[in-house]
Amino acid sequence: MDTTAALHDPLSGVVVVLLADFLRQHQGWGWMRLVAGANPYKSVPGLTMAKVMGSGHGGGFSLRPSATHQGLICTFTHLDLALDFLHSPVVQAYRSRARECWAGVLSVQSARGEWDKQAWQASSAQALGAHAPASGPFAVLTRASIMPTKAMAFWRYAPAAQADLNQAPGCLLAMGLGEAPLVRQCTFSLWEDTAAMLQYAHHGAHQQATAAAYKHQFFSESLFVRMQVQHMSGVWQGRPFNLPTAALAPVDLPTPATSPLELVHV
């Protein structure tokens, strides 16, 4: 819900994403995470940003909020500190109260735009330390502040784009998240490879939503981040995920070509 610090230089390091679908008896605990926001995480070593986010019905984009689905997005200065966080009591508290939970550490390949006036940049070799870039899935994080006067126009495109995303070949996982109802939205998606993501982005309802967003200037601020999974574990929608962290000699991250087409936040 808020950042841990007001940074001015581009945000660097690695990203932690946690998705949870709470058991019914722990819904109250989940709601308290939303109320507390980033405050409980301010003393976590290496943490540079934390966002506690709600979700739509069923974990998708919907005007109807979910009582059980939630996400936590954090950035860390170093991969080892991010891995320590995943094994901390904070994350274990989520796991123990969730019907399903997925968590991953991701290196940033490229980023465009800002989140709360904060730009992001690609993960450095120093941030990865003694870990090589993994050969696991590819992930995309999109986030936007929607102009209040354009919110209803934006939401007209959301259901069709969400339906296409859920059925997109190569999409392993997708969840709609939100910092605030209607106007501060985020999408996290996991893909087999870049080609699968671009196939979705260039066609159908998503392509139409992208064109409308730029034509009508739906957003006052947006961020698009392409990431590589370094580590992940958990179960989501009945599917198990497991990718251990590779411990190798330090290497430089490759610099991928940036596609001109971004995933719009629907």
C-alpha atoms as a PDB file:
ATOM      1  CA  MET A   1       0.000   0.000   0.000  1.00  0.00           C
ATOM      2  CA  ASP A   2       2.984   2.318   0.440  1.00  0.00           C
ATOM      3  CA  THR A   3       6.699   2.220  -0.105  1.00  0.00           C
ATOM      4  CA  THR A   4       9.243   1.804   2.658  1.00  0.00           C
ATOM      5  CA  ALA A   5      11.232   4.829   1.517  1.00  0.00           C
ATOM      6  CA  ALA A   6      11.016   7.704  -0.922  1.00  0.00           C
ATOM      7  CA  LEU A   7      13.811   6.826  -3.350  1.00  0.00           C
ATOM      8  CA  HIS A   8      14.945   9.041  -6.203  1.00  0.00           C
ATOM      9  CA  ASP A   9      17.568   6.932  -7.983  1.00  0.00           C
ATOM     10  CA  PRO A  10      16.232   4.042 -10.097  1.00  0.00           C
ATOM     11  CA  LEU A  11      15.264   1.100  -7.940  1.00  0.00           C
ATOM     12  CA  SER A  12      17.729  -1.759  -8.391  1.00  0.00           C
ATOM     13  CA  GLY A  13      18.110  -5.264  -6.992  1.00  0.00           C
ATOM     14  CA  VAL A  14      15.670  -8.181  -7.177  1.00  0.00           C
ATOM     15  CA  VAL A  15      11.926  -8.600  -6.787  1.00  0.00           C
ATOM     16  CA  VAL A  16       9.937 -10.850  -4.470  1.00  0.00           C
ATOM     17  CA  VAL A  17       6.351 -11.687  -5.400  1.00  0.00           C
ATOM     18  CA  LEU A  18       4.053 -13.597  -3.042  1.00  0.00           C
ATOM     19  CA  LEU A  19       0.508 -14.617  -3.969  1.00  0.00           C
ATOM     20  CA  ALA A  20      -1.865 -16.025  -1.360  1.00  0.00           C
ATOM     21  CA  ASP A  21      -5.386 -17.431  -1.305  1.00  0.00           C
ATOM     22  CA  PHE A  22      -6.259 -17.472   2.380  1.00  0.00           C
ATOM     23  CA  LEU A  23      -8.272 -20.139   4.122  1.00  0.00           C
ATOM     24  CA  ARG A  24     -11.697 -18.897   5.162  1.00  0.00           C
ATOM     25  CA  GLN A  25     -10.792 -18.921   8.868  1.00  0.00           C
ATOM     26  CA  HIS A  26      -7.814 -16.634   8.193  1.00  0.00           C
ATOM     27  CA  GLN A  27      -9.544 -13.975   6.085  1.00  0.00           C
ATOM     28  CA  GLY A  28      -9.425 -11.546   9.014  1.00  0.00           C
ATOM     29  CA  TRP A  29      -5.656 -11.995   9.299  1.00  0.00           C
ATOM     30  CA  GLY A  30      -5.372 -11.248   5.589  1.00  0.00           C
ATOM     31  CA  TRP A  31      -7.433  -8.066   5.855  1.00  0.00           C
ATOM     32  CA  MET A  32      -5.164  -6.877   8.662  1.00  0.00           C
ATOM     33  CA  ARG A  33      -2.175  -7.228   6.286  1.00  0.00           C
ATOM     34  CA  LEU A  34      -3.907  -4.774   3.938  1.00  0.00           C
ATOM     35  CA  VAL A  35      -4.580  -2.355   6.773  1.00  0.00           C
ATOM     36  CA  ALA A  36      -0.989  -2.497   8.043  1.00  0.00           C
ATOM     37  CA  GLY A  37       0.506  -2.038   4.568  1.00  0.00           C
ATOM     38  CA  ALA A  38       4.298  -1.797   4.378  1.00  0.00           C
ATOM     39  CA  ASN A  39       4.803  -0.823   8.033  1.00  0.00           C
ATOM     40  CA  PRO A  40       5.563  -4.345   9.373  1.00  0.00           C
ATOM     41  CA  TYR A  41       8.351  -4.804   6.807  1.00  0.00           C
ATOM     42  CA  LYS A  42      10.379  -1.633   7.361  1.00  0.00           C
ATOM     43  CA  SER A  43      13.051  -3.396   9.411  1.00  0.00           C
ATOM     44  CA  VAL A  44      13.537  -6.330   7.005  1.00  0.00           C
ATOM     45  CA  PRO A  45      17.220  -6.410   5.923  1.00  0.00           C
ATOM     46  CA  GLY A  46      17.769  -5.248   2.360  1.00  0.00           C
ATOM     47  CA  LEU A  47      14.143  -4.301   1.717  1.00  0.00           C
ATOM     48  CA  THR A  48      13.729  -1.189  -0.455  1.00  0.00           C
ATOM     49  CA  MET A  49       9.996  -1.342  -1.289  1.00  0.00           C
ATOM     50  CA  ALA A  50       6.930  -3.248  -0.125  1.00  0.00           C
ATOM     51  CA  LYS A  51       3.387  -3.253  -1.469  1.00  0.00           C
ATOM     52  CA  VAL A  52       0.555  -5.234   0.109  1.00  0.00           C
ATOM     53  CA  MET A  53      -2.187  -5.606  -2.481  1.00  0.00           C
ATOM     54  CA  GLY A  54      -5.719  -6.916  -2.737  1.00  0.00           C
ATOM     55  CA  SER A  55      -7.264  -8.704  -5.703  1.00  0.00           C
ATOM     56  CA  GLY A  56     -10.467  -9.139  -7.619  1.00  0.00           C
ATOM     57  CA  HIS A  57     -12.885 -12.032  -7.350  1.00  0.00           C
ATOM     58  CA  GLY A  58     -11.121 -15.345  -7.932  1.00  0.00           C
ATOM     59  CA  GLY A  59      -7.744 -13.622  -8.087  1.00  0.00           C
ATOM     60  CA  GLY A  60      -8.506 -11.827 -11.361  1.00  0.00           C
ATOM     61  CA  PHE A  61      -9.561  -8.381 -12.519  1.00  0.00           C
ATOM     62  CA  SER A  62     -13.046  -7.709 -11.280  1.00  0.00           C
ATOM     63  CA  LEU A  63     -15.042  -4.862  -9.806  1.00  0.00           C
ATOM     64  CA  ARG A  64     -15.991  -7.387  -7.127  1.00  0.00           C
ATOM     65  CA  PRO A  65     -13.138  -7.715  -4.594  1.00  0.00           C
ATOM     66  CA  SER A  66     -11.835 -11.059  -3.390  1.00  0.00           C
ATOM     67  CA  ALA A  67     -12.110 -11.792   0.326  1.00  0.00           C
ATOM     68  CA  THR A  68      -9.255 -14.299   0.208  1.00  0.00           C
ATOM     69  CA  HIS A  69      -6.785 -13.397  -2.557  1.00  0.00           C
ATOM     70  CA  GLN A  70      -3.865 -11.108  -1.826  1.00  0.00           C
ATOM     71  CA  GLY A  71      -0.398 -10.252  -3.088  1.00  0.00           C
ATOM     72  CA  LEU A  72       2.845  -8.942  -1.644  1.00  0.00           C
ATOM     73  CA  ILE A  73       5.435  -7.315  -3.917  1.00  0.00           C
ATOM     74  CA  CYS A  74       8.834  -6.338  -2.512  1.00  0.00           C
ATOM     75  CA  THR A  75      12.208  -5.276  -3.816  1.00  0.00           C
ATOM     76  CA  PHE A  76      15.539  -6.179  -2.214  1.00  0.00           C
ATOM     77  CA  THR A  77      19.089  -4.989  -2.704  1.00  0.00           C
ATOM     78  CA  HIS A  78      20.458  -8.540  -3.029  1.00  0.00           C
ATOM     79  CA  LEU A  79      19.214 -11.978  -4.021  1.00  0.00           C
ATOM     80  CA  ASP A  80      20.505 -13.623  -0.831  1.00  0.00           C
ATOM     81  CA  LEU A  81      18.515 -11.191   1.319  1.00  0.00           C
ATOM     82  CA  ALA A  82      15.404 -11.870  -0.757  1.00  0.00           C
ATOM     83  CA  LEU A  83      15.862 -15.616  -0.261  1.00  0.00           C
ATOM     84  CA  ASP A  84      16.285 -15.078   3.486  1.00  0.00           C
ATOM     85  CA  PHE A  85      12.977 -13.196   3.475  1.00  0.00           C
ATOM     86  CA  LEU A  86      11.200 -16.102   1.736  1.00  0.00           C
ATOM     87  CA  HIS A  87      12.296 -18.377   4.588  1.00  0.00           C
ATOM     88  CA  SER A  88      11.446 -15.862   7.305  1.00  0.00           C
ATOM     89  CA  PRO A  89       8.562 -16.077   9.796  1.00  0.00           C
ATOM     90  CA  VAL A  90       6.823 -13.281   7.869  1.00  0.00           C
ATOM     91  CA  VAL A  91       6.399 -15.399   4.743  1.00  0.00           C
ATOM     92  CA  GLN A  92       5.792 -18.577   6.719  1.00  0.00           C
ATOM     93  CA  ALA A  93       2.858 -16.803   8.367  1.00  0.00           C
ATOM     94  CA  TYR A  94       1.321 -16.309   4.920  1.00  0.00           C
ATOM     95  CA  ARG A  95       1.953 -19.906   3.883  1.00  0.00           C
ATOM     96  CA  SER A  96       0.479 -21.394   7.052  1.00  0.00           C
ATOM     97  CA  ARG A  97      -2.767 -19.427   6.631  1.00  0.00           C
ATOM     98  CA  ALA A  98      -3.247 -19.945   2.913  1.00  0.00           C
ATOM     99  CA  ARG A  99      -5.150 -22.569   0.966  1.00  0.00           C
ATOM    100  CA  GLU A 100      -2.661 -21.939  -1.819  1.00  0.00           C
ATOM    101  CA  CYS A 101       0.483 -19.809  -1.879  1.00  0.00           C
ATOM    102  CA  TRP A 102       3.114 -19.062  -4.536  1.00  0.00           C
ATOM    103  CA  ALA A 103       6.318 -17.134  -3.901  1.00  0.00           C
ATOM    104  CA  GLY A 104       9.246 -16.285  -6.127  1.00  0.00           C
ATOM    105  CA  VAL A 105      12.402 -14.229  -6.400  1.00  0.00           C
ATOM    106  CA  LEU A 106      12.916 -12.607  -9.784  1.00  0.00           C
ATOM    107  CA  SER A 107      15.697 -10.665 -11.458  1.00  0.00           C
ATOM    108  CA  VAL A 108      14.711  -7.650 -13.538  1.00  0.00           C
ATOM    109  CA  GLN A 109      15.654  -7.872 -17.215  1.00  0.00           C
ATOM    110  CA  SER A 110      14.171  -4.551 -18.268  1.00  0.00           C
ATOM    111  CA  ALA A 111      11.788  -1.932 -16.932  1.00  0.00           C
ATOM    112  CA  ARG A 112       9.965   1.066 -18.349  1.00  0.00           C
ATOM    113  CA  GLY A 113       7.964   3.686 -16.480  1.00  0.00           C
ATOM    114  CA  GLU A 114       7.552   4.436 -12.780  1.00  0.00           C
ATOM    115  CA  TRP A 115       5.733   3.260  -9.668  1.00  0.00           C
ATOM    116  CA  ASP A 116       4.963   6.117  -7.247  1.00  0.00           C
ATOM    117  CA  LYS A 117       7.387   8.287  -9.249  1.00  0.00           C
ATOM    118  CA  GLN A 118      10.102   5.665  -8.756  1.00  0.00           C
ATOM    119  CA  ALA A 119      11.817   4.193 -11.819  1.00  0.00           C
ATOM    120  CA  TRP A 120      13.198   0.637 -11.829  1.00  0.00           C
ATOM    121  CA  GLN A 121      16.293  -0.725 -13.545  1.00  0.00           C
ATOM    122  CA  ALA A 122      17.719  -4.117 -14.516  1.00  0.00           C
ATOM    123  CA  SER A 123      19.235  -6.307 -11.812  1.00  0.00           C
ATOM    124  CA  SER A 124      23.014  -6.018 -11.622  1.00  0.00           C
ATOM    125  CA  ALA A 125      25.537  -8.822 -11.267  1.00  0.00           C
ATOM    126  CA  GLN A 126      26.244  -7.458  -7.786  1.00  0.00           C
ATOM    127  CA  ALA A 127      22.595  -7.899  -6.808  1.00  0.00           C
ATOM    128  CA  LEU A 128      22.681 -11.550  -7.906  1.00  0.00           C
ATOM    129  CA  GLY A 129      25.956 -12.299  -6.140  1.00  0.00           C
ATOM    130  CA  ALA A 130      27.042 -15.923  -6.450  1.00  0.00           C
ATOM    131  CA  HIS A 131      23.944 -16.883  -8.404  1.00  0.00           C
ATOM    132  CA  ALA A 132      23.599 -17.268 -12.146  1.00  0.00           C
ATOM    133  CA  PRO A 133      20.504 -16.152 -14.050  1.00  0.00           C
ATOM    134  CA  ALA A 134      18.136 -19.106 -13.950  1.00  0.00           C
ATOM    135  CA  SER A 135      16.664 -20.810 -16.986  1.00  0.00           C
ATOM    136  CA  GLY A 136      13.206 -20.849 -15.427  1.00  0.00           C
ATOM    137  CA  PRO A 137      10.022 -19.123 -16.566  1.00  0.00           C
ATOM    138  CA  PHE A 138       9.711 -15.537 -17.695  1.00  0.00           C
ATOM    139  CA  ALA A 139       7.508 -13.104 -15.753  1.00  0.00           C
ATOM    140  CA  VAL A 140       5.824  -9.765 -16.382  1.00  0.00           C
ATOM    141  CA  LEU A 141       4.700  -7.174 -13.860  1.00  0.00           C
ATOM    142  CA  THR A 142       2.513  -4.328 -15.065  1.00  0.00           C
ATOM    143  CA  ARG A 143       1.187  -1.560 -12.891  1.00  0.00           C
ATOM    144  CA  ALA A 144      -0.837   1.596 -13.591  1.00  0.00           C
ATOM    145  CA  SER A 145      -2.498   4.549 -11.926  1.00  0.00           C
ATOM    146  CA  ILE A 146      -5.742   5.016 -13.858  1.00  0.00           C
ATOM    147  CA  MET A 147      -7.105   8.515 -14.343  1.00  0.00           C
ATOM    148  CA  PRO A 148     -10.295   8.648 -12.232  1.00  0.00           C
ATOM    149  CA  THR A 149     -12.216  10.182 -15.127  1.00  0.00           C
ATOM    150  CA  LYS A 150     -11.098   7.298 -17.371  1.00  0.00           C
ATOM    151  CA  ALA A 151     -11.702   4.451 -14.912  1.00  0.00           C
ATOM    152  CA  MET A 152     -15.007   3.221 -16.326  1.00  0.00           C
ATOM    153  CA  ALA A 153     -13.652   3.340 -19.874  1.00  0.00           C
ATOM    154  CA  PHE A 154     -10.626   1.312 -18.759  1.00  0.00           C
ATOM    155  CA  TRP A 155     -12.737  -1.294 -17.006  1.00  0.00           C
ATOM    156  CA  ARG A 156     -14.830  -1.923 -20.100  1.00  0.00           C
ATOM    157  CA  TYR A 157     -11.782  -3.600 -21.628  1.00  0.00           C
ATOM    158  CA  ALA A 158     -10.762  -5.621 -18.576  1.00  0.00           C
ATOM    159  CA  PRO A 159     -13.101  -8.675 -18.699  1.00  0.00           C
ATOM    160  CA  ALA A 160     -12.222  -9.695 -22.275  1.00  0.00           C
ATOM    161  CA  ALA A 161      -8.487  -9.189 -21.761  1.00  0.00           C
ATOM    162  CA  GLN A 162      -8.634 -11.163 -18.505  1.00  0.00           C
ATOM    163  CA  ALA A 163     -10.461 -14.034 -20.208  1.00  0.00           C
ATOM    164  CA  ASP A 164      -7.840 -14.138 -22.963  1.00  0.00           C
ATOM    165  CA  LEU A 165      -5.029 -14.102 -20.396  1.00  0.00           C
ATOM    166  CA  ASN A 166      -6.507 -17.034 -18.482  1.00  0.00           C
ATOM    167  CA  GLN A 167      -6.610 -19.070 -21.696  1.00  0.00           C
ATOM    168  CA  ALA A 168      -3.376 -17.841 -23.290  1.00  0.00           C
ATOM    169  CA  PRO A 169      -1.040 -20.643 -24.429  1.00  0.00           C
ATOM    170  CA  GLY A 170       2.166 -20.539 -22.420  1.00  0.00           C
ATOM    171  CA  CYS A 171       0.717 -18.586 -19.493  1.00  0.00           C
ATOM    172  CA  LEU A 172       1.556 -20.583 -16.368  1.00  0.00           C
ATOM    173  CA  LEU A 173       0.038 -18.237 -13.792  1.00  0.00           C
ATOM    174  CA  ALA A 174      -1.676 -14.855 -13.734  1.00  0.00           C
ATOM    175  CA  MET A 175      -3.203 -12.699 -11.021  1.00  0.00           C
ATOM    176  CA  GLY A 176      -4.796  -9.269 -10.932  1.00  0.00           C
ATOM    177  CA  LEU A 177      -3.797  -7.075  -7.990  1.00  0.00           C
ATOM    178  CA  GLY A 178      -4.700  -3.626  -6.753  1.00  0.00           C
ATOM    179  CA  GLU A 179      -3.353  -1.014  -4.349  1.00  0.00           C
ATOM    180  CA  ALA A 180      -6.672   0.822  -4.388  1.00  0.00           C
ATOM    181  CA  PRO A 181     -10.071  -0.093  -5.832  1.00  0.00           C
ATOM    182  CA  LEU A 182     -10.617   0.760  -9.500  1.00  0.00           C
ATOM    183  CA  VAL A 183      -7.736   3.170 -10.072  1.00  0.00           C
ATOM    184  CA  ARG A 184      -4.416   1.598  -8.930  1.00  0.00           C
ATOM    185  CA  GLN A 185      -4.093  -1.750 -10.643  1.00  0.00           C
ATOM    186  CA  CYS A 186      -1.377  -4.332 -11.209  1.00  0.00           C
ATOM    187  CA  THR A 187      -0.977  -7.621 -13.063  1.00  0.00           C
ATOM    188  CA  PHE A 188       1.576 -10.360 -12.425  1.00  0.00           C
ATOM    189  CA  SER A 189       1.899 -13.143 -14.988  1.00  0.00           C
ATOM    190  CA  LEU A 190       4.267 -16.085 -15.425  1.00  0.00           C
ATOM    191  CA  TRP A 191       5.111 -17.391 -18.906  1.00  0.00           C
ATOM    192  CA  GLU A 192       6.918 -20.327 -20.443  1.00  0.00           C
ATOM    193  CA  ASP A 193       8.953 -17.916 -22.554  1.00  0.00           C
ATOM    194  CA  THR A 194       8.991 -14.457 -24.107  1.00  0.00           C
ATOM    195  CA  ALA A 195       7.394 -15.670 -27.330  1.00  0.00           C
ATOM    196  CA  ALA A 196       4.273 -16.851 -25.482  1.00  0.00           C
ATOM    197  CA  MET A 197       3.885 -13.475 -23.764  1.00  0.00           C
ATOM    198  CA  LEU A 198       4.311 -11.535 -27.001  1.00  0.00           C
ATOM    199  CA  GLN A 199       1.755 -13.746 -28.747  1.00  0.00           C
ATOM    200  CA  TYR A 200      -0.800 -12.742 -26.121  1.00  0.00           C
ATOM    201  CA  ALA A 201       0.246  -9.080 -26.149  1.00  0.00           C
ATOM    202  CA  HIS A 202      -0.010  -8.670 -29.914  1.00  0.00           C
ATOM    203  CA  HIS A 203      -3.429 -10.237 -30.440  1.00  0.00           C
ATOM    204  CA  GLY A 204      -7.073 -10.195 -29.423  1.00  0.00           C
ATOM    205  CA  ALA A 205      -8.653  -8.311 -26.555  1.00  0.00           C
ATOM    206  CA  HIS A 206      -5.328  -7.346 -24.993  1.00  0.00           C
ATOM    207  CA  GLN A 207      -4.099  -5.684 -28.171  1.00  0.00           C
ATOM    208  CA  GLN A 208      -7.355  -3.717 -28.353  1.00  0.00           C
ATOM    209  CA  ALA A 209      -7.021  -2.675 -24.705  1.00  0.00           C
ATOM    210  CA  THR A 210      -3.420  -1.560 -25.279  1.00  0.00           C
ATOM    211  CA  ALA A 211      -4.403   0.594 -28.251  1.00  0.00           C
ATOM    212  CA  ALA A 212      -7.276   2.170 -26.307  1.00  0.00           C
ATOM    213  CA  ALA A 213      -5.089   2.892 -23.279  1.00  0.00           C
ATOM    214  CA  TYR A 214      -2.584   4.875 -25.311  1.00  0.00           C
ATOM    215  CA  LYS A 215      -5.129   6.551 -27.554  1.00  0.00           C
ATOM    216  CA  HIS A 216      -7.321   7.763 -24.700  1.00  0.00           C
ATOM    217  CA  GLN A 217      -4.535   8.224 -22.130  1.00  0.00           C
ATOM    218  CA  PHE A 218      -6.083   6.077 -19.416  1.00  0.00           C
ATOM    219  CA  PHE A 219      -2.998   6.235 -17.160  1.00  0.00           C
ATOM    220  CA  SER A 220      -1.345   9.011 -15.176  1.00  0.00           C
ATOM    221  CA  GLU A 221       1.567   6.665 -14.398  1.00  0.00           C
ATOM    222  CA  SER A 222       2.535   3.157 -15.474  1.00  0.00           C
ATOM    223  CA  LEU A 223       5.313   0.605 -15.077  1.00  0.00           C
ATOM    224  CA  PHE A 224       6.172  -2.423 -17.204  1.00  0.00           C
ATOM    225  CA  VAL A 225       8.778  -4.899 -15.924  1.00  0.00           C
ATOM    226  CA  ARG A 226      10.169  -8.009 -17.605  1.00  0.00           C
ATOM    227  CA  MET A 227      11.726 -10.500 -15.187  1.00  0.00           C
ATOM    228  CA  GLN A 228      13.426 -13.894 -14.986  1.00  0.00           C
ATOM    229  CA  VAL A 229      12.468 -16.299 -12.207  1.00  0.00           C
ATOM    230  CA  GLN A 230      15.488 -17.086 -10.032  1.00  0.00           C
ATOM    231  CA  HIS A 231      13.631 -19.117  -7.428  1.00  0.00           C
ATOM    232  CA  MET A 232      10.020 -20.132  -6.880  1.00  0.00           C
ATOM    233  CA  SER A 233       7.971 -22.543  -4.817  1.00  0.00           C
ATOM    234  CA  GLY A 234       4.374 -23.214  -3.894  1.00  0.00           C
ATOM    235  CA  VAL A 235       1.051 -24.231  -5.375  1.00  0.00           C
ATOM    236  CA  TRP A 236      -1.332 -22.051  -7.396  1.00  0.00           C
ATOM    237  CA  GLN A 237      -4.686 -23.138  -8.841  1.00  0.00           C
ATOM    238  CA  GLY A 238      -3.802 -26.728  -8.056  1.00  0.00           C
ATOM    239  CA  ARG A 239      -0.484 -26.600  -9.910  1.00  0.00           C
ATOM    240  CA  PRO A 240       2.806 -27.129  -8.037  1.00  0.00           C
ATOM    241  CA  PHE A 241       5.767 -24.870  -8.817  1.00  0.00           C
ATOM    242  CA  ASN A 242       9.358 -25.484  -7.786  1.00  0.00           C
ATOM    243  CA  LEU A 243      12.589 -23.939  -9.017  1.00  0.00           C
ATOM    244  CA  PRO A 244      15.574 -23.962  -6.631  1.00  0.00           C
ATOM    245  CA  THR A 245      18.137 -21.190  -6.772  1.00  0.00           C
ATOM    246  CA  ALA A 246      21.249 -21.869  -8.849  1.00  0.00           C
ATOM    247  CA  ALA A 247      24.463 -21.274  -6.897  1.00  0.00           C
ATOM    248  CA  LEU A 248      27.159 -20.589  -9.473  1.00  0.00           C
ATOM    249  CA  ALA A 249      30.002 -18.158 -10.025  1.00  0.00           C
ATOM    250  CA  PRO A 250      28.895 -14.545 -10.502  1.00  0.00           C
ATOM    251  CA  VAL A 251      27.962 -13.733 -14.071  1.00  0.00           C
ATOM    252  CA  ASP A 252      26.609 -10.677 -15.820  1.00  0.00           C
ATOM    253  CA  LEU A 253      22.931 -10.622 -16.734  1.00  0.00           C
ATOM    254  CA  PRO A 254      22.349 -10.532 -20.491  1.00  0.00           C
ATOM    255  CA  THR A 255      20.687  -7.409 -21.807  1.00  0.00           C
ATOM    256  CA  PRO A 256      17.604  -8.527 -23.770  1.00  0.00           C
ATOM    257  CA  ALA A 257      16.138  -6.562 -26.629  1.00  0.00           C
ATOM    258  CA  THR A 258      13.156  -4.536 -25.399  1.00  0.00           C
ATOM    259  CA  SER A 259       9.921  -5.136 -27.222  1.00  0.00           C
ATOM    260  CA  PRO A 260       8.083  -1.931 -28.228  1.00  0.00           C
ATOM    261  CA  LEU A 261       4.786  -3.440 -27.102  1.00  0.00           C
ATOM    262  CA  GLU A 262       4.002  -3.552 -23.401  1.00  0.00           C
ATOM    263  CA  LEU A 263       1.349  -5.509 -21.575  1.00  0.00           C
ATOM    264  CA  VAL A 264      -1.361  -3.068 -20.585  1.00  0.00           C
ATOM    265  CA  HIS A 265      -2.709  -3.360 -17.063  1.00  0.00           C
ATOM    266  CA  VAL A 266      -5.838  -5.420 -17.702  1.00  0.00           C
END
